[in-house]
Amino acid sequence: MSQLFLVYNYAAELYKNGEYEKCLNIARQCRRYWADYDLELIQAGACIELNLLDKAEKYLEKAKMMCPIRFMPIYELMKLYQINGEEEKAKQMAKEIIKKPIKISSYKVNQIKEEARKLLEL
């Protein structure tokens, strides 16, 4: 398991360094053995940077299903739909964000909810 964690960390470092194609290749190898919420988000981020928006959506949907209580996949989907010009889908994600109860309040979650409210006000 520790070797798998090293592979995951390598993918994360590649992402941070902007090496998105390498990141995806390493993440895919890691994914064969380990289903992980954060790994799905890393792959989605790399796909967005590479303009592979359909693939990014799939990774974000998977992360959303893996941890339905978390805000980040829904927020990232909202932003992805905005980038892609899919305003109705973006608004649907915004509604989902606003309805989602907060388990642990944080600045980031409050910021996400505020951004969702602003999108719906337009």
PDB file of N, CA and C in Angstrom:
ATOM      1  N   MET A   1       0.818  -1.194   0.000  1.00  0.00           N
ATOM      2  CA  MET A   1       0.000   0.000   0.000  1.00  0.00           C
ATOM      3  C   MET A   1       0.865   1.262   0.000  1.00  0.00           C
ATOM      4  N   SER A   2       1.999   1.223   0.657  1.00  0.00           N
ATOM      5  CA  SER A   2       2.843   2.416   0.704  1.00  0.00           C
ATOM      6  C   SER A   2       3.378   2.779  -0.682  1.00  0.00           C
ATOM      7  N   GLN A   3       3.642   1.782  -1.517  1.00  0.00           N
ATOM      8  CA  GLN A   3       4.106   2.083  -2.878  1.00  0.00           C
ATOM      9  C   GLN A   3       2.992   2.763  -3.677  1.00  0.00           C
ATOM     10  N   LEU A   4       1.774   2.329  -3.460  1.00  0.00           N
ATOM     11  CA  LEU A   4       0.640   2.934  -4.140  1.00  0.00           C
ATOM     12  C   LEU A   4       0.467   4.387  -3.706  1.00  0.00           C
ATOM     13  N   PHE A   5       0.681   4.653  -2.446  1.00  0.00           N
ATOM     14  CA  PHE A   5       0.598   6.016  -1.941  1.00  0.00           C
ATOM     15  C   PHE A   5       1.682   6.888  -2.576  1.00  0.00           C
ATOM     16  N   LEU A   6       2.864   6.327  -2.792  1.00  0.00           N
ATOM     17  CA  LEU A   6       3.937   7.067  -3.457  1.00  0.00           C
ATOM     18  C   LEU A   6       3.550   7.411  -4.891  1.00  0.00           C
ATOM     19  N   VAL A   7       2.898   6.475  -5.563  1.00  0.00           N
ATOM     20  CA  VAL A   7       2.449   6.724  -6.938  1.00  0.00           C
ATOM     21  C   VAL A   7       1.409   7.840  -6.939  1.00  0.00           C
ATOM     22  N   TYR A   8       0.493   7.787  -5.975  1.00  0.00           N
ATOM     23  CA  TYR A   8      -0.515   8.850  -5.850  1.00  0.00           C
ATOM     24  C   TYR A   8       0.163  10.203  -5.618  1.00  0.00           C
ATOM     25  N   ASN A   9       1.104  10.245  -4.707  1.00  0.00           N
ATOM     26  CA  ASN A   9       1.821  11.496  -4.416  1.00  0.00           C
ATOM     27  C   ASN A   9       2.561  12.007  -5.640  1.00  0.00           C
ATOM     28  N   TYR A  10       3.123  11.105  -6.414  1.00  0.00           N
ATOM     29  CA  TYR A  10       3.819  11.493  -7.638  1.00  0.00           C
ATOM     30  C   TYR A  10       2.836  12.151  -8.610  1.00  0.00           C
ATOM     31  N   ALA A  11       1.653  11.554  -8.767  1.00  0.00           N
ATOM     32  CA  ALA A  11       0.622  12.142  -9.639  1.00  0.00           C
ATOM     33  C   ALA A  11       0.230  13.534  -9.139  1.00  0.00           C
ATOM     34  N   ALA A  12       0.080  13.674  -7.830  1.00  0.00           N
ATOM     35  CA  ALA A  12      -0.287  14.971  -7.252  1.00  0.00           C
ATOM     36  C   ALA A  12       0.802  16.011  -7.505  1.00  0.00           C
ATOM     37  N   GLU A  13       2.060  15.617  -7.377  1.00  0.00           N
ATOM     38  CA  GLU A  13       3.171  16.544  -7.620  1.00  0.00           C
ATOM     39  C   GLU A  13       3.244  16.934  -9.094  1.00  0.00           C
ATOM     40  N   LEU A  14       3.010  15.978  -9.975  1.00  0.00           N
ATOM     41  CA  LEU A  14       2.989  16.293 -11.397  1.00  0.00           C
ATOM     42  C   LEU A  14       1.891  17.312 -11.696  1.00  0.00           C
ATOM     43  N   TYR A  15       0.751  17.145 -11.070  1.00  0.00           N
ATOM     44  CA  TYR A  15      -0.351  18.094 -11.254  1.00  0.00           C
ATOM     45  C   TYR A  15       0.065  19.489 -10.782  1.00  0.00           C
ATOM     46  N   LYS A  16       0.623  19.560  -9.591  1.00  0.00           N
ATOM     47  CA  LYS A  16       1.055  20.848  -9.038  1.00  0.00           C
ATOM     48  C   LYS A  16       2.078  21.531  -9.935  1.00  0.00           C
ATOM     49  N   ASN A  17       2.909  20.742 -10.602  1.00  0.00           N
ATOM     50  CA  ASN A  17       3.960  21.283 -11.464  1.00  0.00           C
ATOM     51  C   ASN A  17       3.481  21.550 -12.893  1.00  0.00           C
ATOM     52  N   GLY A  18       2.195  21.326 -13.147  1.00  0.00           N
ATOM     53  CA  GLY A  18       1.650  21.615 -14.463  1.00  0.00           C
ATOM     54  C   GLY A  18       1.960  20.572 -15.518  1.00  0.00           C
ATOM     55  N   GLU A  19       2.378  19.402 -15.102  1.00  0.00           N
ATOM     56  CA  GLU A  19       2.671  18.308 -16.042  1.00  0.00           C
ATOM     57  C   GLU A  19       1.441  17.407 -16.125  1.00  0.00           C
ATOM     58  N   TYR A  20       0.407  17.933 -16.770  1.00  0.00           N
ATOM     59  CA  TYR A  20      -0.918  17.320 -16.719  1.00  0.00           C
ATOM     60  C   TYR A  20      -1.016  15.985 -17.448  1.00  0.00           C
ATOM     61  N   GLU A  21      -0.377  15.855 -18.585  1.00  0.00           N
ATOM     62  CA  GLU A  21      -0.432  14.574 -19.301  1.00  0.00           C
ATOM     63  C   GLU A  21       0.263  13.475 -18.502  1.00  0.00           C
ATOM     64  N   LYS A  22       1.443  13.777 -17.964  1.00  0.00           N
ATOM     65  CA  LYS A  22       2.148  12.802 -17.123  1.00  0.00           C
ATOM     66  C   LYS A  22       1.312  12.478 -15.886  1.00  0.00           C
ATOM     67  N   CYS A  23       0.715  13.495 -15.318  1.00  0.00           N
ATOM     68  CA  CYS A  23      -0.135  13.313 -14.147  1.00  0.00           C
ATOM     69  C   CYS A  23      -1.256  12.314 -14.450  1.00  0.00           C
ATOM     70  N   LEU A  24      -1.934  12.504 -15.584  1.00  0.00           N
ATOM     71  CA  LEU A  24      -3.026  11.599 -15.956  1.00  0.00           C
ATOM     72  C   LEU A  24      -2.535  10.170 -16.145  1.00  0.00           C
ATOM     73  N   ASN A  25      -1.385  10.014 -16.782  1.00  0.00           N
ATOM     74  CA  ASN A  25      -0.850   8.666 -16.995  1.00  0.00           C
ATOM     75  C   ASN A  25      -0.559   7.964 -15.674  1.00  0.00           C
ATOM     76  N   ILE A  26       0.074   8.665 -14.762  1.00  0.00           N
ATOM     77  CA  ILE A  26       0.401   8.082 -13.461  1.00  0.00           C
ATOM     78  C   ILE A  26      -0.874   7.839 -12.659  1.00  0.00           C
ATOM     79  N   ALA A  27      -1.795   8.787 -12.694  1.00  0.00           N
ATOM     80  CA  ALA A  27      -3.056   8.644 -11.957  1.00  0.00           C
ATOM     81  C   ALA A  27      -3.857   7.451 -12.462  1.00  0.00           C
ATOM     82  N   ARG A  28      -3.854   7.237 -13.759  1.00  0.00           N
ATOM     83  CA  ARG A  28      -4.571   6.075 -14.321  1.00  0.00           C
ATOM     84  C   ARG A  28      -3.966   4.762 -13.824  1.00  0.00           C
ATOM     85  N   GLN A  29      -2.654   4.724 -13.719  1.00  0.00           N
ATOM     86  CA  GLN A  29      -2.001   3.521 -13.187  1.00  0.00           C
ATOM     87  C   GLN A  29      -2.418   3.303 -11.739  1.00  0.00           C
ATOM     88  N   CYS A  30      -2.417   4.362 -10.987  1.00  0.00           N
ATOM     89  CA  CYS A  30      -2.797   4.296  -9.578  1.00  0.00           C
ATOM     90  C   CYS A  30      -4.265   3.872  -9.441  1.00  0.00           C
ATOM     91  N   ARG A  31      -5.095   4.380 -10.301  1.00  0.00           N
ATOM     92  CA  ARG A  31      -6.543   4.134 -10.255  1.00  0.00           C
ATOM     93  C   ARG A  31      -6.890   2.662 -10.470  1.00  0.00           C
ATOM     94  N   ARG A  32      -6.053   1.942 -11.165  1.00  0.00           N
ATOM     95  CA  ARG A  32      -6.317   0.508 -11.375  1.00  0.00           C
ATOM     96  C   ARG A  32      -6.377  -0.258 -10.062  1.00  0.00           C
ATOM     97  N   TYR A  33      -5.669   0.252  -9.059  1.00  0.00           N
ATOM     98  CA  TYR A  33      -5.547  -0.461  -7.788  1.00  0.00           C
ATOM     99  C   TYR A  33      -6.214   0.254  -6.621  1.00  0.00           C
ATOM    100  N   TRP A  34      -6.596   1.500  -6.830  1.00  0.00           N
ATOM    101  CA  TRP A  34      -7.043   2.310  -5.701  1.00  0.00           C
ATOM    102  C   TRP A  34      -8.097   3.299  -6.155  1.00  0.00           C
ATOM    103  N   ALA A  35      -9.314   3.129  -5.673  1.00  0.00           N
ATOM    104  CA  ALA A  35     -10.381   4.086  -5.948  1.00  0.00           C
ATOM    105  C   ALA A  35     -10.339   5.133  -4.849  1.00  0.00           C
ATOM    106  N   ASP A  36     -10.121   6.387  -5.216  1.00  0.00           N
ATOM    107  CA  ASP A  36      -9.943   7.428  -4.218  1.00  0.00           C
ATOM    108  C   ASP A  36     -10.553   8.740  -4.701  1.00  0.00           C
ATOM    109  N   TYR A  37     -11.261   9.398  -3.811  1.00  0.00           N
ATOM    110  CA  TYR A  37     -11.915  10.673  -4.083  1.00  0.00           C
ATOM    111  C   TYR A  37     -10.910  11.716  -4.579  1.00  0.00           C
ATOM    112  N   ASP A  38      -9.811  11.888  -3.856  1.00  0.00           N
ATOM    113  CA  ASP A  38      -8.813  12.894  -4.229  1.00  0.00           C
ATOM    114  C   ASP A  38      -8.161  12.583  -5.574  1.00  0.00           C
ATOM    115  N   LEU A  39      -7.980  11.319  -5.869  1.00  0.00           N
ATOM    116  CA  LEU A  39      -7.411  10.921  -7.158  1.00  0.00           C
ATOM    117  C   LEU A  39      -8.350  11.318  -8.302  1.00  0.00           C
ATOM    118  N   GLU A  40      -9.649  11.170  -8.082  1.00  0.00           N
ATOM    119  CA  GLU A  40     -10.622  11.578  -9.103  1.00  0.00           C
ATOM    120  C   GLU A  40     -10.550  13.088  -9.328  1.00  0.00           C
ATOM    121  N   LEU A  41     -10.404  13.856  -8.253  1.00  0.00           N
ATOM    122  CA  LEU A  41     -10.307  15.309  -8.390  1.00  0.00           C
ATOM    123  C   LEU A  41      -9.034  15.729  -9.119  1.00  0.00           C
ATOM    124  N   ILE A  42      -7.939  15.049  -8.842  1.00  0.00           N
ATOM    125  CA  ILE A  42      -6.681  15.351  -9.534  1.00  0.00           C
ATOM    126  C   ILE A  42      -6.826  15.082 -11.029  1.00  0.00           C
ATOM    127  N   GLN A  43      -7.421  13.948 -11.355  1.00  0.00           N
ATOM    128  CA  GLN A  43      -7.600  13.617 -12.775  1.00  0.00           C
ATOM    129  C   GLN A  43      -8.524  14.619 -13.455  1.00  0.00           C
ATOM    130  N   ALA A  44      -9.586  15.021 -12.761  1.00  0.00           N
ATOM    131  CA  ALA A  44     -10.502  16.016 -13.326  1.00  0.00           C
ATOM    132  C   ALA A  44      -9.763  17.333 -13.576  1.00  0.00           C
ATOM    133  N   GLY A  45      -8.975  17.760 -12.605  1.00  0.00           N
ATOM    134  CA  GLY A  45      -8.219  19.004 -12.761  1.00  0.00           C
ATOM    135  C   GLY A  45      -7.264  18.954 -13.935  1.00  0.00           C
ATOM    136  N   ALA A  46      -6.566  17.838 -14.080  1.00  0.00           N
ATOM    137  CA  ALA A  46      -5.641  17.680 -15.207  1.00  0.00           C
ATOM    138  C   ALA A  46      -6.395  17.710 -16.533  1.00  0.00           C
ATOM    139  N   CYS A  47      -7.548  17.060 -16.572  1.00  0.00           N
ATOM    140  CA  CYS A  47      -8.345  17.056 -17.806  1.00  0.00           C
ATOM    141  C   CYS A  47      -8.837  18.456 -18.146  1.00  0.00           C
ATOM    142  N   ILE A  48      -9.227  19.222 -17.140  1.00  0.00           N
ATOM    143  CA  ILE A  48      -9.668  20.600 -17.393  1.00  0.00           C
ATOM    144  C   ILE A  48      -8.513  21.401 -17.985  1.00  0.00           C
ATOM    145  N   GLU A  49      -7.331  21.256 -17.414  1.00  0.00           N
ATOM    146  CA  GLU A  49      -6.160  21.992 -17.916  1.00  0.00           C
ATOM    147  C   GLU A  49      -5.814  21.590 -19.345  1.00  0.00           C
ATOM    148  N   LEU A  50      -6.093  20.340 -19.698  1.00  0.00           N
ATOM    149  CA  LEU A  50      -5.810  19.848 -21.053  1.00  0.00           C
ATOM    150  C   LEU A  50      -7.002  20.031 -21.989  1.00  0.00           C
ATOM    151  N   ASN A  51      -8.052  20.698 -21.495  1.00  0.00           N
ATOM    152  CA  ASN A  51      -9.281  20.938 -22.254  1.00  0.00           C
ATOM    153  C   ASN A  51      -9.983  19.645 -22.665  1.00  0.00           C
ATOM    154  N   LEU A  52      -9.902  18.635 -21.825  1.00  0.00           N
ATOM    155  CA  LEU A  52     -10.618  17.377 -22.017  1.00  0.00           C
ATOM    156  C   LEU A  52     -11.847  17.412 -21.097  1.00  0.00           C
ATOM    157  N   LEU A  53     -12.773  18.299 -21.432  1.00  0.00           N
ATOM    158  CA  LEU A  53     -13.859  18.626 -20.521  1.00  0.00           C
ATOM    159  C   LEU A  53     -14.836  17.474 -20.299  1.00  0.00           C
ATOM    160  N   ASP A  54     -15.084  16.649 -21.309  1.00  0.00           N
ATOM    161  CA  ASP A  54     -15.976  15.498 -21.129  1.00  0.00           C
ATOM    162  C   ASP A  54     -15.390  14.502 -20.127  1.00  0.00           C
ATOM    163  N   LYS A  55     -14.083  14.271 -20.232  1.00  0.00           N
ATOM    164  CA  LYS A  55     -13.426  13.366 -19.286  1.00  0.00           C
ATOM    165  C   LYS A  55     -13.423  13.959 -17.883  1.00  0.00           C
ATOM    166  N   ALA A  56     -13.186  15.263 -17.796  1.00  0.00           N
ATOM    167  CA  ALA A  56     -13.193  15.934 -16.489  1.00  0.00           C
ATOM    168  C   ALA A  56     -14.549  15.763 -15.820  1.00  0.00           C
ATOM    169  N   GLU A  57     -15.608  15.904 -16.591  1.00  0.00           N
ATOM    170  CA  GLU A  57     -16.957  15.746 -16.045  1.00  0.00           C
ATOM    171  C   GLU A  57     -17.149  14.348 -15.458  1.00  0.00           C
ATOM    172  N   LYS A  58     -16.658  13.343 -16.150  1.00  0.00           N
ATOM    173  CA  LYS A  58     -16.798  11.958 -15.652  1.00  0.00           C
ATOM    174  C   LYS A  58     -16.059  11.760 -14.338  1.00  0.00           C
ATOM    175  N   TYR A  59     -14.847  12.311 -14.232  1.00  0.00           N
ATOM    176  CA  TYR A  59     -14.089  12.185 -12.987  1.00  0.00           C
ATOM    177  C   TYR A  59     -14.787  12.928 -11.847  1.00  0.00           C
ATOM    178  N   LEU A  60     -15.330  14.090 -12.142  1.00  0.00           N
ATOM    179  CA  LEU A  60     -16.021  14.856 -11.110  1.00  0.00           C
ATOM    180  C   LEU A  60     -17.307  14.168 -10.670  1.00  0.00           C
ATOM    181  N   GLU A  61     -18.026  13.586 -11.613  1.00  0.00           N
ATOM    182  CA  GLU A  61     -19.239  12.833 -11.263  1.00  0.00           C
ATOM    183  C   GLU A  61     -18.899  11.644 -10.362  1.00  0.00           C
ATOM    184  N   LYS A  62     -17.815  10.986 -10.683  1.00  0.00           N
ATOM    185  CA  LYS A  62     -17.391   9.850  -9.858  1.00  0.00           C
ATOM    186  C   LYS A  62     -17.020  10.312  -8.446  1.00  0.00           C
ATOM    187  N   ALA A  63     -16.282  11.410  -8.346  1.00  0.00           N
ATOM    188  CA  ALA A  63     -15.913  11.953  -7.032  1.00  0.00           C
ATOM    189  C   ALA A  63     -17.172  12.347  -6.258  1.00  0.00           C
ATOM    190  N   LYS A  64     -18.129  12.911  -6.950  1.00  0.00           N
ATOM    191  CA  LYS A  64     -19.396  13.301  -6.324  1.00  0.00           C
ATOM    192  C   LYS A  64     -20.123  12.088  -5.749  1.00  0.00           C
ATOM    193  N   MET A  65     -20.106  10.995  -6.469  1.00  0.00           N
ATOM    194  CA  MET A  65     -20.750   9.769  -5.984  1.00  0.00           C
ATOM    195  C   MET A  65     -19.966   9.125  -4.839  1.00  0.00           C
ATOM    196  N   MET A  66     -18.643   9.239  -4.890  1.00  0.00           N
ATOM    197  CA  MET A  66     -17.807   8.640  -3.851  1.00  0.00           C
ATOM    198  C   MET A  66     -18.006   9.311  -2.499  1.00  0.00           C
ATOM    199  N   CYS A  67     -18.146  10.627  -2.518  1.00  0.00           N
ATOM    200  CA  CYS A  67     -18.304  11.408  -1.280  1.00  0.00           C
ATOM    201  C   CYS A  67     -19.433  12.414  -1.482  1.00  0.00           C
ATOM    202  N   PRO A  68     -20.672  11.953  -1.405  1.00  0.00           N
ATOM    203  CA  PRO A  68     -21.795  12.853  -1.700  1.00  0.00           C
ATOM    204  C   PRO A  68     -21.934  14.021  -0.734  1.00  0.00           C
ATOM    205  N   ILE A  69     -21.302  13.949   0.402  1.00  0.00           N
ATOM    206  CA  ILE A  69     -21.407  15.026   1.390  1.00  0.00           C
ATOM    207  C   ILE A  69     -20.499  16.207   1.071  1.00  0.00           C
ATOM    208  N   ARG A  70     -19.515  15.998   0.236  1.00  0.00           N
ATOM    209  CA  ARG A  70     -18.520  17.038  -0.055  1.00  0.00           C
ATOM    210  C   ARG A  70     -19.027  18.029  -1.095  1.00  0.00           C
ATOM    211  N   PHE A  71     -18.576  19.245  -0.950  1.00  0.00           N
ATOM    212  CA  PHE A  71     -18.979  20.334  -1.838  1.00  0.00           C
ATOM    213  C   PHE A  71     -18.098  20.447  -3.079  1.00  0.00           C
ATOM    214  N   MET A  72     -16.834  20.085  -2.972  1.00  0.00           N
ATOM    215  CA  MET A  72     -15.880  20.373  -4.038  1.00  0.00           C
ATOM    216  C   MET A  72     -16.259  19.763  -5.398  1.00  0.00           C
ATOM    217  N   PRO A  73     -16.676  18.502  -5.488  1.00  0.00           N
ATOM    218  CA  PRO A  73     -17.018  17.991  -6.825  1.00  0.00           C
ATOM    219  C   PRO A  73     -18.189  18.740  -7.464  1.00  0.00           C
ATOM    220  N   ILE A  74     -19.181  19.097  -6.664  1.00  0.00           N
ATOM    221  CA  ILE A  74     -20.332  19.819  -7.205  1.00  0.00           C
ATOM    222  C   ILE A  74     -19.904  21.214  -7.649  1.00  0.00           C
ATOM    223  N   TYR A  75     -19.084  21.848  -6.847  1.00  0.00           N
ATOM    224  CA  TYR A  75     -18.561  23.178  -7.182  1.00  0.00           C
ATOM    225  C   TYR A  75     -17.743  23.133  -8.472  1.00  0.00           C
ATOM    226  N   GLU A  76     -16.870  22.139  -8.572  1.00  0.00           N
ATOM    227  CA  GLU A  76     -16.047  22.007  -9.776  1.00  0.00           C
ATOM    228  C   GLU A  76     -16.909  21.704 -10.997  1.00  0.00           C
ATOM    229  N   LEU A  77     -17.973  20.914 -10.814  1.00  0.00           N
ATOM    230  CA  LEU A  77     -18.901  20.670 -11.924  1.00  0.00           C
ATOM    231  C   LEU A  77     -19.592  21.970 -12.337  1.00  0.00           C
ATOM    232  N   MET A  78     -19.994  22.768 -11.360  1.00  0.00           N
ATOM    233  CA  MET A  78     -20.628  24.047 -11.661  1.00  0.00           C
ATOM    234  C   MET A  78     -19.692  24.917 -12.509  1.00  0.00           C
ATOM    235  N   LYS A  79     -18.440  25.010 -12.097  1.00  0.00           N
ATOM    236  CA  LYS A  79     -17.461  25.814 -12.843  1.00  0.00           C
ATOM    237  C   LYS A  79     -17.207  25.217 -14.228  1.00  0.00           C
ATOM    238  N   LEU A  80     -17.122  23.889 -14.308  1.00  0.00           N
ATOM    239  CA  LEU A  80     -16.899  23.224 -15.594  1.00  0.00           C
ATOM    240  C   LEU A  80     -18.033  23.541 -16.567  1.00  0.00           C
ATOM    241  N   TYR A  81     -19.261  23.468 -16.084  1.00  0.00           N
ATOM    242  CA  TYR A  81     -20.405  23.763 -16.949  1.00  0.00           C
ATOM    243  C   TYR A  81     -20.405  25.232 -17.382  1.00  0.00           C
ATOM    244  N   GLN A  82     -19.948  26.114 -16.506  1.00  0.00           N
ATOM    245  CA  GLN A  82     -19.840  27.517 -16.891  1.00  0.00           C
ATOM    246  C   GLN A  82     -18.808  27.685 -18.004  1.00  0.00           C
ATOM    247  N   ILE A  83     -17.664  27.039 -17.850  1.00  0.00           N
ATOM    248  CA  ILE A  83     -16.611  27.099 -18.871  1.00  0.00           C
ATOM    249  C   ILE A  83     -17.135  26.585 -20.204  1.00  0.00           C
ATOM    250  N   ASN A  84     -17.920  25.524 -20.118  1.00  0.00           N
ATOM    251  CA  ASN A  84     -18.427  24.831 -21.302  1.00  0.00           C
ATOM    252  C   ASN A  84     -19.669  25.514 -21.897  1.00  0.00           C
ATOM    253  N   GLY A  85     -20.141  26.590 -21.261  1.00  0.00           N
ATOM    254  CA  GLY A  85     -21.315  27.296 -21.767  1.00  0.00           C
ATOM    255  C   GLY A  85     -22.629  26.588 -21.489  1.00  0.00           C
ATOM    256  N   GLU A  86     -22.625  25.660 -20.553  1.00  0.00           N
ATOM    257  CA  GLU A  86     -23.838  24.911 -20.211  1.00  0.00           C
ATOM    258  C   GLU A  86     -24.461  25.535 -18.956  1.00  0.00           C
ATOM    259  N   GLU A  87     -25.104  26.687 -19.156  1.00  0.00           N
ATOM    260  CA  GLU A  87     -25.617  27.482 -18.037  1.00  0.00           C
ATOM    261  C   GLU A  87     -26.684  26.755 -17.226  1.00  0.00           C
ATOM    262  N   GLU A  88     -27.563  26.006 -17.880  1.00  0.00           N
ATOM    263  CA  GLU A  88     -28.616  25.304 -17.134  1.00  0.00           C
ATOM    264  C   GLU A  88     -28.028  24.243 -16.200  1.00  0.00           C
ATOM    265  N   LYS A  89     -27.034  23.512 -16.693  1.00  0.00           N
ATOM    266  CA  LYS A  89     -26.373  22.524 -15.843  1.00  0.00           C
ATOM    267  C   LYS A  89     -25.626  23.208 -14.702  1.00  0.00           C
ATOM    268  N   ALA A  90     -24.995  24.338 -14.996  1.00  0.00           N
ATOM    269  CA  ALA A  90     -24.276  25.092 -13.966  1.00  0.00           C
ATOM    270  C   ALA A  90     -25.255  25.551 -12.889  1.00  0.00           C
ATOM    271  N   LYS A  91     -26.407  26.028 -13.304  1.00  0.00           N
ATOM    272  CA  LYS A  91     -27.424  26.471 -12.345  1.00  0.00           C
ATOM    273  C   LYS A  91     -27.965  25.304 -11.521  1.00  0.00           C
ATOM    274  N   GLN A  92     -28.083  24.155 -12.132  1.00  0.00           N
ATOM    275  CA  GLN A  92     -28.540  22.974 -11.392  1.00  0.00           C
ATOM    276  C   GLN A  92     -27.535  22.611 -10.295  1.00  0.00           C
ATOM    277  N   MET A  93     -26.252  22.684 -10.618  1.00  0.00           N
ATOM    278  CA  MET A  93     -25.221  22.412  -9.610  1.00  0.00           C
ATOM    279  C   MET A  93     -25.260  23.479  -8.515  1.00  0.00           C
ATOM    280  N   ALA A  94     -25.502  24.741  -8.905  1.00  0.00           N
ATOM    281  CA  ALA A  94     -25.594  25.822  -7.923  1.00  0.00           C
ATOM    282  C   ALA A  94     -26.746  25.565  -6.954  1.00  0.00           C
ATOM    283  N   LYS A  95     -27.876  25.124  -7.478  1.00  0.00           N
ATOM    284  CA  LYS A  95     -29.029  24.799  -6.622  1.00  0.00           C
ATOM    285  C   LYS A  95     -28.684  23.664  -5.662  1.00  0.00           C
ATOM    286  N   GLU A  96     -27.981  22.676  -6.178  1.00  0.00           N
ATOM    287  CA  GLU A  96     -27.572  21.542  -5.345  1.00  0.00           C
ATOM    288  C   GLU A  96     -26.640  22.007  -4.215  1.00  0.00           C
ATOM    289  N   ILE A  97     -25.741  22.910  -4.540  1.00  0.00           N
ATOM    290  CA  ILE A  97     -24.812  23.448  -3.542  1.00  0.00           C
ATOM    291  C   ILE A  97     -25.579  24.194  -2.451  1.00  0.00           C
ATOM    292  N   ILE A  98     -26.507  25.027  -2.860  1.00  0.00           N
ATOM    293  CA  ILE A  98     -27.256  25.828  -1.890  1.00  0.00           C
ATOM    294  C   ILE A  98     -28.091  24.941  -0.966  1.00  0.00           C
ATOM    295  N   LYS A  99     -28.670  23.888  -1.506  1.00  0.00           N
ATOM    296  CA  LYS A  99     -29.512  22.980  -0.704  1.00  0.00           C
ATOM    297  C   LYS A  99     -28.702  22.075   0.225  1.00  0.00           C
ATOM    298  N   LYS A 100     -27.462  21.820  -0.134  1.00  0.00           N
ATOM    299  CA  LYS A 100     -26.639  20.875   0.621  1.00  0.00           C
ATOM    300  C   LYS A 100     -26.377  21.408   2.029  1.00  0.00           C
ATOM    301  N   PRO A 101     -26.678  20.591   3.039  1.00  0.00           N
ATOM    302  CA  PRO A 101     -26.398  21.034   4.406  1.00  0.00           C
ATOM    303  C   PRO A 101     -24.893  21.048   4.688  1.00  0.00           C
ATOM    304  N   ILE A 102     -24.500  21.967   5.538  1.00  0.00           N
ATOM    305  CA  ILE A 102     -23.096  22.084   5.928  1.00  0.00           C
ATOM    306  C   ILE A 102     -22.889  21.262   7.196  1.00  0.00           C
ATOM    307  N   LYS A 103     -21.990  20.303   7.128  1.00  0.00           N
ATOM    308  CA  LYS A 103     -21.668  19.495   8.316  1.00  0.00           C
ATOM    309  C   LYS A 103     -20.660  20.226   9.193  1.00  0.00           C
ATOM    310  N   ILE A 104     -19.615  20.759   8.547  1.00  0.00           N
ATOM    311  CA  ILE A 104     -18.588  21.512   9.268  1.00  0.00           C
ATOM    312  C   ILE A 104     -18.382  22.818   8.516  1.00  0.00           C
ATOM    313  N   SER A 105     -18.712  23.897   9.174  1.00  0.00           N
ATOM    314  CA  SER A 105     -18.601  25.204   8.534  1.00  0.00           C
ATOM    315  C   SER A 105     -17.131  25.572   8.318  1.00  0.00           C
ATOM    316  N   SER A 106     -16.867  26.148   7.159  1.00  0.00           N
ATOM    317  CA  SER A 106     -15.520  26.623   6.847  1.00  0.00           C
ATOM    318  C   SER A 106     -15.634  27.804   5.895  1.00  0.00           C
ATOM    319  N   TYR A 107     -14.573  28.549   5.818  1.00  0.00           N
ATOM    320  CA  TYR A 107     -14.526  29.687   4.908  1.00  0.00           C
ATOM    321  C   TYR A 107     -14.762  29.221   3.469  1.00  0.00           C
ATOM    322  N   LYS A 108     -14.111  28.129   3.077  1.00  0.00           N
ATOM    323  CA  LYS A 108     -14.206  27.631   1.699  1.00  0.00           C
ATOM    324  C   LYS A 108     -15.639  27.234   1.352  1.00  0.00           C
ATOM    325  N   VAL A 109     -16.298  26.513   2.247  1.00  0.00           N
ATOM    326  CA  VAL A 109     -17.680  26.088   1.983  1.00  0.00           C
ATOM    327  C   VAL A 109     -18.590  27.309   1.890  1.00  0.00           C
ATOM    328  N   ASN A 110     -18.409  28.269   2.771  1.00  0.00           N
ATOM    329  CA  ASN A 110     -19.221  29.495   2.709  1.00  0.00           C
ATOM    330  C   ASN A 110     -18.974  30.242   1.405  1.00  0.00           C
ATOM    331  N   GLN A 111     -17.738  30.262   0.959  1.00  0.00           N
ATOM    332  CA  GLN A 111     -17.377  30.919  -0.305  1.00  0.00           C
ATOM    333  C   GLN A 111     -18.046  30.199  -1.487  1.00  0.00           C
ATOM    334  N   ILE A 112     -18.036  28.864  -1.456  1.00  0.00           N
ATOM    335  CA  ILE A 112     -18.674  28.074  -2.518  1.00  0.00           C
ATOM    336  C   ILE A 112     -20.168  28.367  -2.568  1.00  0.00           C
ATOM    337  N   LYS A 113     -20.813  28.383  -1.416  1.00  0.00           N
ATOM    338  CA  LYS A 113     -22.254  28.657  -1.361  1.00  0.00           C
ATOM    339  C   LYS A 113     -22.554  30.070  -1.874  1.00  0.00           C
ATOM    340  N   GLU A 114     -21.729  31.028  -1.519  1.00  0.00           N
ATOM    341  CA  GLU A 114     -21.929  32.408  -1.974  1.00  0.00           C
ATOM    342  C   GLU A 114     -21.779  32.501  -3.497  1.00  0.00           C
ATOM    343  N   GLU A 115     -20.801  31.821  -4.050  1.00  0.00           N
ATOM    344  CA  GLU A 115     -20.612  31.825  -5.503  1.00  0.00           C
ATOM    345  C   GLU A 115     -21.803  31.192  -6.209  1.00  0.00           C
ATOM    346  N   ALA A 116     -22.352  30.132  -5.621  1.00  0.00           N
ATOM    347  CA  ALA A 116     -23.538  29.481  -6.195  1.00  0.00           C
ATOM    348  C   ALA A 116     -24.738  30.432  -6.162  1.00  0.00           C
ATOM    349  N   ARG A 117     -24.913  31.146  -5.061  1.00  0.00           N
ATOM    350  CA  ARG A 117     -26.016  32.119  -4.962  1.00  0.00           C
ATOM    351  C   ARG A 117     -25.879  33.199  -6.023  1.00  0.00           C
ATOM    352  N   LYS A 118     -24.667  33.697  -6.217  1.00  0.00           N
ATOM    353  CA  LYS A 118     -24.431  34.746  -7.212  1.00  0.00           C
ATOM    354  C   LYS A 118     -24.757  34.253  -8.625  1.00  0.00           C
ATOM    355  N   LEU A 119     -24.417  33.014  -8.906  1.00  0.00           N
ATOM    356  CA  LEU A 119     -24.709  32.458 -10.231  1.00  0.00           C
ATOM    357  C   LEU A 119     -26.215  32.429 -10.477  1.00  0.00           C
ATOM    358  N   LEU A 120     -26.974  32.089  -9.459  1.00  0.00           N
ATOM    359  CA  LEU A 120     -28.428  32.009  -9.618  1.00  0.00           C
ATOM    360  C   LEU A 120     -29.089  33.386  -9.681  1.00  0.00           C
ATOM    361  N   GLU A 121     -28.432  34.402  -9.166  1.00  0.00           N
ATOM    362  CA  GLU A 121     -28.981  35.765  -9.217  1.00  0.00           C
ATOM    363  C   GLU A 121     -28.852  36.401 -10.596  1.00  0.00           C
ATOM    364  N   LEU A 122     -27.932  35.920 -11.411  1.00  0.00           N
ATOM    365  CA  LEU A 122     -27.711  36.530 -12.731  1.00  0.00           C
ATOM    366  C   LEU A 122     -28.901  36.386 -13.642  1.00  0.00           C
TER     367      LEU A 122
END
